[in-house]
Amino acid sequence: MYGRYTKDLGEFAKDEARKLKILEKRRKQEDRARNKELLGKRTSRVSKCFSWIWRHTFARLGEDWVFLALLGIIMAFLSYIMDKGISICTN
């Protein structure tokens, strides 16, 4: 008896997993279709470009090189503003 119930339970789990995969796949397809309908063709190109830029730059803020690059840009900008301010004050 024990072996039969274990086998039934395994089959039941496999069937449930199969159903969940199908439902998840269908939900993803519906989400994609809904997003495509809402965004339209022109905005999808812009959003694709923006998302690519985001994924390859700002989404990696946890990485050291991005942090150091932003820090360098900010420091250069502050230095430029201070130099301009000092030159205005001395004139």
C-alpha atoms as a PDB file:
ATOM      1  CA  MET A   1       0.000   0.000   0.000  1.00  0.00           C
ATOM      2  CA  TYR A   2       2.732   2.450   0.886  1.00  0.00           C
ATOM      3  CA  GLY A   3       4.392   2.224  -2.517  1.00  0.00           C
ATOM      4  CA  ARG A   4       1.165   2.876  -4.387  1.00  0.00           C
ATOM      5  CA  TYR A   5       0.418   6.072  -2.447  1.00  0.00           C
ATOM      6  CA  THR A   6       3.958   7.335  -2.894  1.00  0.00           C
ATOM      7  CA  LYS A   7       3.693   6.735  -6.622  1.00  0.00           C
ATOM      8  CA  ASP A   8       0.330   8.502  -6.769  1.00  0.00           C
ATOM      9  CA  LEU A   9       1.743  11.433  -4.828  1.00  0.00           C
ATOM     10  CA  GLY A  10       4.692  11.685  -7.221  1.00  0.00           C
ATOM     11  CA  GLU A  11       2.418  11.626 -10.247  1.00  0.00           C
ATOM     12  CA  PHE A  12       0.152  14.214  -8.650  1.00  0.00           C
ATOM     13  CA  ALA A  13       3.136  16.496  -7.969  1.00  0.00           C
ATOM     14  CA  LYS A  14       4.342  16.129 -11.570  1.00  0.00           C
ATOM     15  CA  ASP A  15       0.887  16.944 -12.919  1.00  0.00           C
ATOM     16  CA  GLU A  16       0.602  20.002 -10.689  1.00  0.00           C
ATOM     17  CA  ALA A  17       4.063  21.212 -11.725  1.00  0.00           C
ATOM     18  CA  ARG A  18       3.102  20.769 -15.385  1.00  0.00           C
ATOM     19  CA  LYS A  19      -0.108  22.740 -14.869  1.00  0.00           C
ATOM     20  CA  LEU A  20       1.757  25.523 -13.068  1.00  0.00           C
ATOM     21  CA  LYS A  21       4.312  25.775 -15.886  1.00  0.00           C
ATOM     22  CA  ILE A  22       1.549  26.049 -18.467  1.00  0.00           C
ATOM     23  CA  LEU A  23      -0.274  28.700 -16.433  1.00  0.00           C
ATOM     24  CA  GLU A  24       2.932  30.692 -15.909  1.00  0.00           C
ATOM     25  CA  LYS A  25       3.757  30.542 -19.615  1.00  0.00           C
ATOM     26  CA  ARG A  26       0.250  31.688 -20.541  1.00  0.00           C
ATOM     27  CA  ARG A  27       0.403  34.523 -17.992  1.00  0.00           C
ATOM     28  CA  LYS A  28       3.744  35.726 -19.379  1.00  0.00           C
ATOM     29  CA  GLN A  29       2.385  35.696 -22.931  1.00  0.00           C
ATOM     30  CA  GLU A  30      -0.670  37.680 -21.853  1.00  0.00           C
ATOM     31  CA  ASP A  31       1.536  40.193 -20.022  1.00  0.00           C
ATOM     32  CA  ARG A  32       3.730  40.641 -23.083  1.00  0.00           C
ATOM     33  CA  ALA A  33       0.699  41.125 -25.328  1.00  0.00           C
ATOM     34  CA  ARG A  34      -0.846  43.616 -22.890  1.00  0.00           C
ATOM     35  CA  ASN A  35       2.396  45.592 -22.584  1.00  0.00           C
ATOM     36  CA  LYS A  36       2.844  45.632 -26.355  1.00  0.00           C
ATOM     37  CA  GLU A  37      -0.693  46.897 -26.798  1.00  0.00           C
ATOM     38  CA  LEU A  38      -0.300  49.594 -24.162  1.00  0.00           C
ATOM     39  CA  LEU A  39       3.098  50.866 -25.270  1.00  0.00           C
ATOM     40  CA  GLY A  40       2.628  50.916 -29.009  1.00  0.00           C
ATOM     41  CA  LYS A  41       5.299  50.691 -31.653  1.00  0.00           C
ATOM     42  CA  ARG A  42       7.067  54.028 -31.244  1.00  0.00           C
ATOM     43  CA  THR A  43       7.371  53.916 -27.481  1.00  0.00           C
ATOM     44  CA  SER A  44       8.511  50.313 -27.585  1.00  0.00           C
ATOM     45  CA  ARG A  45      11.580  51.360 -29.576  1.00  0.00           C
ATOM     46  CA  VAL A  46      12.318  54.137 -27.115  1.00  0.00           C
ATOM     47  CA  SER A  47      11.707  51.898 -24.136  1.00  0.00           C
ATOM     48  CA  LYS A  48      13.908  49.155 -25.604  1.00  0.00           C
ATOM     49  CA  CYS A  49      16.731  51.648 -26.071  1.00  0.00           C
ATOM     50  CA  PHE A  50      16.255  53.087 -22.603  1.00  0.00           C
ATOM     51  CA  SER A  51      16.077  49.640 -20.994  1.00  0.00           C
ATOM     52  CA  TRP A  52      19.268  48.554 -22.776  1.00  0.00           C
ATOM     53  CA  ILE A  53      21.087  51.663 -21.547  1.00  0.00           C
ATOM     54  CA  TRP A  54      19.697  51.126 -18.041  1.00  0.00           C
ATOM     55  CA  ARG A  55      20.729  47.449 -17.918  1.00  0.00           C
ATOM     56  CA  HIS A  56      24.257  48.178 -19.085  1.00  0.00           C
ATOM     57  CA  THR A  57      24.932  51.251 -16.920  1.00  0.00           C
ATOM     58  CA  PHE A  58      22.774  52.332 -13.994  1.00  0.00           C
ATOM     59  CA  ALA A  59      21.397  48.905 -13.098  1.00  0.00           C
ATOM     60  CA  ARG A  60      24.941  47.954 -12.148  1.00  0.00           C
ATOM     61  CA  LEU A  61      25.354  50.663  -9.523  1.00  0.00           C
ATOM     62  CA  GLY A  62      26.439  48.021  -7.039  1.00  0.00           C
ATOM     63  CA  GLU A  63      29.529  47.339  -9.110  1.00  0.00           C
ATOM     64  CA  ASP A  64      32.672  49.292  -8.275  1.00  0.00           C
ATOM     65  CA  TRP A  65      33.502  50.652 -11.718  1.00  0.00           C
ATOM     66  CA  VAL A  66      30.138  52.364 -12.126  1.00  0.00           C
ATOM     67  CA  PHE A  67      30.360  53.898  -8.668  1.00  0.00           C
ATOM     68  CA  LEU A  68      33.883  55.175  -9.306  1.00  0.00           C
ATOM     69  CA  ALA A  69      32.958  56.556 -12.740  1.00  0.00           C
ATOM     70  CA  LEU A  70      29.979  58.458 -11.313  1.00  0.00           C
ATOM     71  CA  LEU A  71      32.105  59.713  -8.437  1.00  0.00           C
ATOM     72  CA  GLY A  72      34.716  60.998 -10.898  1.00  0.00           C
ATOM     73  CA  ILE A  73      32.111  62.768 -13.030  1.00  0.00           C
ATOM     74  CA  ILE A  74      30.503  64.394  -9.987  1.00  0.00           C
ATOM     75  CA  MET A  75      33.864  65.549  -8.625  1.00  0.00           C
ATOM     76  CA  ALA A  76      34.875  67.004 -12.007  1.00  0.00           C
ATOM     77  CA  PHE A  77      31.557  68.865 -12.218  1.00  0.00           C
ATOM     78  CA  LEU A  78      31.975  70.285  -8.689  1.00  0.00           C
ATOM     79  CA  SER A  79      35.549  71.320  -9.427  1.00  0.00           C
ATOM     80  CA  TYR A  80      34.446  73.104 -12.609  1.00  0.00           C
ATOM     81  CA  ILE A  81      31.665  74.952 -10.777  1.00  0.00           C
ATOM     82  CA  MET A  82      34.033  76.010  -7.984  1.00  0.00           C
ATOM     83  CA  ASP A  83      36.623  77.269 -10.492  1.00  0.00           C
ATOM     84  CA  LYS A  84      33.981  79.300 -12.328  1.00  0.00           C
ATOM     85  CA  GLY A  85      32.658  80.673  -9.036  1.00  0.00           C
ATOM     86  CA  ILE A  86      36.134  81.694  -7.878  1.00  0.00           C
ATOM     87  CA  SER A  87      36.939  83.326 -11.220  1.00  0.00           C
ATOM     88  CA  ILE A  88      33.666  85.296 -11.053  1.00  0.00           C
ATOM     89  CA  CYS A  89      34.423  86.421  -7.492  1.00  0.00           C
ATOM     90  CA  THR A  90      37.972  87.570  -8.322  1.00  0.00           C
ATOM     91  CA  ASN A  91      36.858  89.681 -11.290  1.00  0.00           C
END
